[in-house]
Amino acid sequence: MRVSIGTLSVAVGLGCFLVAGAAFGHGKGNPIAHKSARPKVVKISVTKAGFEPATLAVKQGVPIVLLVTRKTDQTCATQAFFPSIDKVVDLPLNKAVRVALPAQAAGRLSYSCRMGMYHGELVVK
């Protein structure tokens, strides 16, 4: 059987696209939203007590934007660390920082200061 390079490239590309779609959950019944979903914006403050509110409930399948504002210098929470997605965000004093997160499946997404003293959590339902 003779296959041209162009036909082979199209077949390989299509195969990769289908595998990636299955791996990243674009199949039927998947809780992850399509890119057209509007993000849920959530405000979080960093105070002497830590991340406030410390626990937030969000809906699964909807992208999330955290607006995090550090309101004190008397904290070690000058960064937010999201270990499960390997993301670190600097939190300058008195400036809202936008942290865009992709839509999440049901579960929990924890974050903390880099020292692990202050914790926060998104509960995805």
N, C-alpha and C. Protein backbone atom coordinates (compact mmCIF):
# COMPACT_ATOMS: atom_id res chain seq x y z
N MET A 1 0.84 -1.17 0.00
CA MET A 1 0.00 0.00 0.00
C MET A 1 0.89 1.24 0.00
N ARG A 2 0.55 2.20 -0.82
CA ARG A 2 1.35 3.40 -0.94
C ARG A 2 0.58 4.58 -0.35
N VAL A 3 1.22 5.33 0.58
CA VAL A 3 0.60 6.46 1.24
C VAL A 3 1.49 7.68 1.03
N SER A 4 0.90 8.78 0.62
CA SER A 4 1.70 9.99 0.42
C SER A 4 2.02 10.63 1.76
N ILE A 5 3.06 11.43 1.80
CA ILE A 5 3.47 12.13 3.02
C ILE A 5 2.35 13.05 3.50
N GLY A 6 1.68 13.74 2.60
CA GLY A 6 0.59 14.64 2.97
C GLY A 6 -0.55 13.90 3.63
N THR A 7 -0.94 12.76 3.09
CA THR A 7 -2.01 11.96 3.67
C THR A 7 -1.60 11.44 5.04
N LEU A 8 -0.36 11.00 5.17
CA LEU A 8 0.14 10.50 6.45
C LEU A 8 0.15 11.62 7.49
N SER A 9 0.56 12.82 7.11
CA SER A 9 0.58 13.95 8.04
C SER A 9 -0.81 14.29 8.53
N VAL A 10 -1.78 14.29 7.64
CA VAL A 10 -3.17 14.58 8.02
C VAL A 10 -3.68 13.51 8.98
N ALA A 11 -3.39 12.25 8.69
CA ALA A 11 -3.85 11.14 9.53
C ALA A 11 -3.23 11.22 10.93
N VAL A 12 -1.93 11.49 10.99
CA VAL A 12 -1.25 11.60 12.28
C VAL A 12 -1.79 12.80 13.05
N GLY A 13 -1.96 13.93 12.38
CA GLY A 13 -2.50 15.12 13.03
C GLY A 13 -3.89 14.90 13.58
N LEU A 14 -4.75 14.26 12.82
CA LEU A 14 -6.11 13.97 13.25
C LEU A 14 -6.09 13.02 14.44
N GLY A 15 -5.23 12.02 14.39
CA GLY A 15 -5.12 11.08 15.50
C GLY A 15 -4.68 11.77 16.78
N CYS A 16 -3.70 12.67 16.68
CA CYS A 16 -3.24 13.43 17.86
C CYS A 16 -4.35 14.30 18.40
N PHE A 17 -5.11 14.94 17.53
CA PHE A 17 -6.22 15.79 17.93
C PHE A 17 -7.27 14.98 18.70
N LEU A 18 -7.61 13.80 18.20
CA LEU A 18 -8.62 12.97 18.86
C LEU A 18 -8.12 12.46 20.20
N VAL A 19 -6.86 12.06 20.28
CA VAL A 19 -6.30 11.58 21.55
C VAL A 19 -6.25 12.73 22.55
N ALA A 20 -5.82 13.91 22.12
CA ALA A 20 -5.75 15.06 23.02
C ALA A 20 -7.15 15.44 23.51
N GLY A 21 -8.12 15.40 22.64
CA GLY A 21 -9.49 15.71 23.05
C GLY A 21 -9.99 14.75 24.10
N ALA A 22 -9.70 13.47 23.95
CA ALA A 22 -10.11 12.47 24.94
C ALA A 22 -9.35 12.67 26.24
N ALA A 23 -8.05 12.95 26.15
CA ALA A 23 -7.24 13.10 27.35
C ALA A 23 -7.62 14.34 28.15
N PHE A 24 -8.01 15.39 27.49
CA PHE A 24 -8.34 16.62 28.19
C PHE A 24 -9.83 16.79 28.39
N GLY A 25 -10.60 15.73 28.18
CA GLY A 25 -11.97 15.72 28.60
C GLY A 25 -12.95 16.49 27.75
N HIS A 26 -12.79 16.50 26.45
CA HIS A 26 -13.76 17.20 25.62
C HIS A 26 -14.84 16.25 25.12
N GLY A 27 -14.95 15.11 25.77
CA GLY A 27 -15.97 14.13 25.37
C GLY A 27 -17.30 14.42 26.04
N LYS A 28 -18.30 13.64 25.69
CA LYS A 28 -19.64 13.81 26.22
C LYS A 28 -19.66 13.54 27.72
N GLY A 29 -20.39 14.37 28.47
CA GLY A 29 -20.56 14.17 29.89
C GLY A 29 -19.41 14.66 30.75
N ASN A 30 -18.45 15.32 30.18
CA ASN A 30 -17.31 15.81 30.92
C ASN A 30 -17.68 17.07 31.70
N PRO A 31 -17.25 17.18 32.98
CA PRO A 31 -17.59 18.36 33.77
C PRO A 31 -16.79 19.59 33.40
N ILE A 32 -15.74 19.45 32.61
CA ILE A 32 -14.94 20.61 32.24
C ILE A 32 -15.68 21.39 31.16
N ALA A 33 -15.76 22.70 31.36
CA ALA A 33 -16.53 23.55 30.46
C ALA A 33 -15.80 23.82 29.15
N HIS A 34 -16.55 24.24 28.19
CA HIS A 34 -15.94 24.71 26.94
C HIS A 34 -15.39 26.10 27.17
N LYS A 35 -14.51 26.54 26.32
CA LYS A 35 -13.85 27.82 26.50
C LYS A 35 -14.82 29.01 26.49
N SER A 36 -16.03 28.82 26.03
CA SER A 36 -16.97 29.93 25.93
C SER A 36 -17.61 30.28 27.27
N ALA A 37 -17.44 29.44 28.31
CA ALA A 37 -18.04 29.72 29.61
C ALA A 37 -17.40 30.97 30.21
N ARG A 38 -18.26 31.82 30.81
CA ARG A 38 -17.75 33.04 31.45
C ARG A 38 -17.14 32.68 32.79
N PRO A 39 -15.99 33.23 33.12
CA PRO A 39 -15.34 32.88 34.38
C PRO A 39 -16.08 33.44 35.59
N LYS A 40 -16.01 32.71 36.68
CA LYS A 40 -16.54 33.15 37.97
C LYS A 40 -15.43 33.95 38.64
N VAL A 41 -15.70 35.21 39.00
CA VAL A 41 -14.71 36.06 39.64
C VAL A 41 -14.94 36.01 41.15
N VAL A 42 -13.87 35.72 41.89
CA VAL A 42 -13.93 35.57 43.34
C VAL A 42 -12.87 36.48 43.96
N LYS A 43 -13.26 37.26 44.97
CA LYS A 43 -12.32 38.15 45.64
C LYS A 43 -11.81 37.51 46.93
N ILE A 44 -10.49 37.57 47.11
CA ILE A 44 -9.84 37.04 48.30
C ILE A 44 -8.90 38.11 48.84
N SER A 45 -8.94 38.29 50.15
CA SER A 45 -8.02 39.22 50.80
C SER A 45 -6.98 38.44 51.58
N VAL A 46 -5.78 39.00 51.67
CA VAL A 46 -4.76 38.44 52.53
C VAL A 46 -4.57 39.44 53.66
N THR A 47 -4.87 38.98 54.89
CA THR A 47 -4.77 39.81 56.09
C THR A 47 -3.82 39.15 57.07
N LYS A 48 -3.70 39.71 58.26
CA LYS A 48 -2.88 39.09 59.31
C LYS A 48 -3.38 37.68 59.63
N ALA A 49 -4.66 37.44 59.40
CA ALA A 49 -5.26 36.13 59.69
C ALA A 49 -5.04 35.13 58.54
N GLY A 50 -4.56 35.58 57.39
CA GLY A 50 -4.33 34.70 56.25
C GLY A 50 -5.25 35.02 55.09
N PHE A 51 -5.60 33.98 54.33
CA PHE A 51 -6.48 34.16 53.18
C PHE A 51 -7.93 34.23 53.68
N GLU A 52 -8.64 35.28 53.26
CA GLU A 52 -10.03 35.46 53.69
C GLU A 52 -10.91 35.73 52.49
N PRO A 53 -11.96 34.97 52.29
CA PRO A 53 -12.32 33.78 53.06
C PRO A 53 -11.35 32.65 52.77
N ALA A 54 -11.19 31.77 53.76
CA ALA A 54 -10.23 30.66 53.62
C ALA A 54 -10.79 29.55 52.74
N THR A 55 -12.10 29.40 52.71
CA THR A 55 -12.73 28.36 51.90
C THR A 55 -13.81 28.99 51.04
N LEU A 56 -13.79 28.65 49.77
CA LEU A 56 -14.78 29.16 48.82
C LEU A 56 -15.37 28.01 48.03
N ALA A 57 -16.67 28.05 47.82
CA ALA A 57 -17.32 27.04 46.98
C ALA A 57 -17.49 27.62 45.58
N VAL A 58 -17.12 26.85 44.57
CA VAL A 58 -17.28 27.26 43.18
C VAL A 58 -17.90 26.11 42.40
N LYS A 59 -18.50 26.45 41.28
CA LYS A 59 -19.17 25.46 40.45
C LYS A 59 -18.18 24.78 39.51
N GLN A 60 -18.30 23.47 39.39
CA GLN A 60 -17.41 22.74 38.47
C GLN A 60 -17.72 23.12 37.02
N GLY A 61 -16.71 23.03 36.19
CA GLY A 61 -16.88 23.28 34.78
C GLY A 61 -16.88 24.74 34.38
N VAL A 62 -16.62 25.63 35.33
CA VAL A 62 -16.61 27.07 35.04
C VAL A 62 -15.21 27.60 35.35
N PRO A 63 -14.60 28.32 34.41
CA PRO A 63 -13.29 28.93 34.70
C PRO A 63 -13.41 29.87 35.89
N ILE A 64 -12.32 30.02 36.62
CA ILE A 64 -12.32 30.82 37.84
C ILE A 64 -11.26 31.91 37.73
N VAL A 65 -11.61 33.11 38.17
CA VAL A 65 -10.63 34.18 38.28
C VAL A 65 -10.62 34.62 39.74
N LEU A 66 -9.48 34.43 40.38
CA LEU A 66 -9.32 34.91 41.75
C LEU A 66 -8.74 36.31 41.69
N LEU A 67 -9.33 37.23 42.41
CA LEU A 67 -8.76 38.57 42.58
C LEU A 67 -8.23 38.62 44.00
N VAL A 68 -6.91 38.47 44.13
CA VAL A 68 -6.29 38.37 45.44
C VAL A 68 -5.59 39.68 45.77
N THR A 69 -5.95 40.26 46.94
CA THR A 69 -5.35 41.52 47.37
C THR A 69 -4.72 41.32 48.74
N ARG A 70 -3.41 41.51 48.82
CA ARG A 70 -2.72 41.45 50.11
C ARG A 70 -2.87 42.81 50.76
N LYS A 71 -3.48 42.83 51.96
CA LYS A 71 -3.81 44.09 52.62
C LYS A 71 -2.93 44.41 53.82
N THR A 72 -1.92 43.60 54.06
CA THR A 72 -1.03 43.84 55.19
C THR A 72 0.39 43.42 54.85
N ASP A 73 1.32 44.07 55.52
CA ASP A 73 2.72 43.68 55.40
C ASP A 73 3.09 42.70 56.51
N GLN A 74 2.17 42.50 57.46
CA GLN A 74 2.42 41.64 58.61
C GLN A 74 1.96 40.20 58.32
N THR A 75 2.49 39.64 57.24
CA THR A 75 2.16 38.28 56.84
C THR A 75 3.30 37.72 55.99
N CYS A 76 3.42 36.41 56.02
CA CYS A 76 4.39 35.78 55.12
C CYS A 76 3.73 35.44 53.78
N ALA A 77 2.44 35.71 53.66
CA ALA A 77 1.70 35.38 52.43
C ALA A 77 1.91 36.46 51.38
N THR A 78 3.15 36.59 50.93
CA THR A 78 3.46 37.53 49.86
C THR A 78 3.38 36.84 48.50
N GLN A 79 3.08 35.53 48.54
CA GLN A 79 2.86 34.74 47.33
C GLN A 79 1.74 33.75 47.62
N ALA A 80 1.04 33.36 46.57
CA ALA A 80 0.07 32.27 46.66
C ALA A 80 0.63 31.11 45.85
N PHE A 81 0.65 29.93 46.47
CA PHE A 81 1.20 28.74 45.84
C PHE A 81 0.09 27.71 45.67
N PHE A 82 -0.10 27.27 44.41
CA PHE A 82 -1.10 26.27 44.05
C PHE A 82 -0.34 24.99 43.70
N PRO A 83 -0.08 24.11 44.67
CA PRO A 83 0.78 22.95 44.41
C PRO A 83 0.26 21.97 43.36
N SER A 84 -1.05 21.76 43.31
CA SER A 84 -1.57 20.75 42.37
C SER A 84 -1.43 21.17 40.91
N ILE A 85 -1.30 22.48 40.66
CA ILE A 85 -1.12 22.94 39.29
C ILE A 85 0.25 23.62 39.11
N ASP A 86 1.09 23.53 40.15
CA ASP A 86 2.44 24.07 40.12
C ASP A 86 2.47 25.53 39.69
N LYS A 87 1.67 26.35 40.37
CA LYS A 87 1.57 27.77 40.03
C LYS A 87 1.89 28.61 41.26
N VAL A 88 2.75 29.61 41.09
CA VAL A 88 3.09 30.55 42.16
C VAL A 88 2.78 31.96 41.65
N VAL A 89 2.11 32.74 42.51
CA VAL A 89 1.71 34.09 42.12
C VAL A 89 2.20 35.07 43.18
N ASP A 90 2.93 36.10 42.75
CA ASP A 90 3.36 37.15 43.67
C ASP A 90 2.17 38.01 44.06
N LEU A 91 2.13 38.42 45.35
CA LEU A 91 1.04 39.24 45.86
C LEU A 91 1.58 40.55 46.41
N PRO A 92 1.72 41.56 45.55
CA PRO A 92 2.22 42.86 46.03
C PRO A 92 1.19 43.51 46.97
N LEU A 93 1.68 44.32 47.87
CA LEU A 93 0.83 44.98 48.86
C LEU A 93 -0.19 45.91 48.20
N ASN A 94 -1.44 45.79 48.60
CA ASN A 94 -2.55 46.66 48.18
C ASN A 94 -2.82 46.69 46.67
N LYS A 95 -2.48 45.63 45.98
CA LYS A 95 -2.78 45.55 44.54
C LYS A 95 -3.51 44.24 44.27
N ALA A 96 -4.65 44.35 43.61
CA ALA A 96 -5.41 43.15 43.25
C ALA A 96 -4.66 42.40 42.15
N VAL A 97 -4.44 41.13 42.38
CA VAL A 97 -3.74 40.28 41.41
C VAL A 97 -4.75 39.29 40.86
N ARG A 98 -4.82 39.23 39.54
CA ARG A 98 -5.72 38.31 38.83
C ARG A 98 -5.05 36.95 38.67
N VAL A 99 -5.71 35.93 39.18
CA VAL A 99 -5.21 34.57 39.04
C VAL A 99 -6.26 33.79 38.25
N ALA A 100 -5.99 33.57 36.98
CA ALA A 100 -6.93 32.85 36.11
C ALA A 100 -6.68 31.35 36.24
N LEU A 101 -7.74 30.63 36.54
CA LEU A 101 -7.66 29.18 36.67
C LEU A 101 -8.62 28.55 35.68
N PRO A 102 -8.22 27.47 35.06
CA PRO A 102 -9.13 26.79 34.13
C PRO A 102 -10.28 26.16 34.90
N ALA A 103 -11.33 25.80 34.19
CA ALA A 103 -12.46 25.10 34.79
C ALA A 103 -11.94 23.86 35.50
N GLN A 104 -12.50 23.59 36.66
CA GLN A 104 -12.06 22.46 37.47
C GLN A 104 -13.15 21.40 37.55
N ALA A 105 -12.75 20.17 37.67
CA ALA A 105 -13.68 19.08 37.95
C ALA A 105 -14.00 19.13 39.45
N ALA A 106 -15.03 18.43 39.88
CA ALA A 106 -15.41 18.41 41.29
C ALA A 106 -14.22 17.95 42.14
N GLY A 107 -14.06 18.60 43.27
CA GLY A 107 -12.96 18.27 44.17
C GLY A 107 -12.51 19.50 44.92
N ARG A 108 -11.25 19.52 45.31
CA ARG A 108 -10.69 20.63 46.07
C ARG A 108 -9.40 21.11 45.42
N LEU A 109 -9.23 22.41 45.39
CA LEU A 109 -8.00 23.02 44.89
C LEU A 109 -7.44 23.86 46.04
N SER A 110 -6.37 23.40 46.63
CA SER A 110 -5.78 24.07 47.78
C SER A 110 -4.68 25.03 47.35
N TYR A 111 -4.47 26.06 48.15
CA TYR A 111 -3.37 26.99 47.93
C TYR A 111 -2.88 27.45 49.29
N SER A 112 -1.69 28.02 49.32
CA SER A 112 -1.10 28.47 50.57
C SER A 112 -0.05 29.53 50.30
N CYS A 113 0.49 30.09 51.39
CA CYS A 113 1.68 30.91 51.25
C CYS A 113 2.83 29.95 50.99
N ARG A 114 3.97 30.44 50.59
CA ARG A 114 5.09 29.56 50.25
C ARG A 114 5.63 28.81 51.49
N MET A 115 5.43 29.37 52.67
CA MET A 115 5.90 28.72 53.89
C MET A 115 4.90 27.67 54.39
N GLY A 116 3.69 27.68 53.84
CA GLY A 116 2.67 26.73 54.24
C GLY A 116 1.98 27.07 55.55
N MET A 117 2.12 28.30 56.00
CA MET A 117 1.49 28.71 57.27
C MET A 117 0.03 29.10 57.07
N TYR A 118 -0.29 29.74 55.96
CA TYR A 118 -1.65 30.18 55.68
C TYR A 118 -2.19 29.39 54.50
N HIS A 119 -3.43 28.95 54.63
CA HIS A 119 -4.02 28.08 53.61
C HIS A 119 -5.37 28.61 53.14
N GLY A 120 -5.69 28.28 51.92
CA GLY A 120 -7.01 28.55 51.37
C GLY A 120 -7.41 27.36 50.51
N GLU A 121 -8.70 27.31 50.17
CA GLU A 121 -9.16 26.16 49.40
C GLU A 121 -10.40 26.53 48.61
N LEU A 122 -10.41 26.09 47.36
CA LEU A 122 -11.60 26.16 46.53
C LEU A 122 -12.27 24.80 46.56
N VAL A 123 -13.53 24.77 46.94
CA VAL A 123 -14.29 23.52 46.93
C VAL A 123 -15.14 23.56 45.68
N VAL A 124 -14.84 22.66 44.76
CA VAL A 124 -15.51 22.65 43.45
C VAL A 124 -16.62 21.61 43.49
N LYS A 125 -17.86 22.08 43.28
CA LYS A 125 -19.03 21.18 43.33
C LYS A 125 -19.73 21.15 42.00
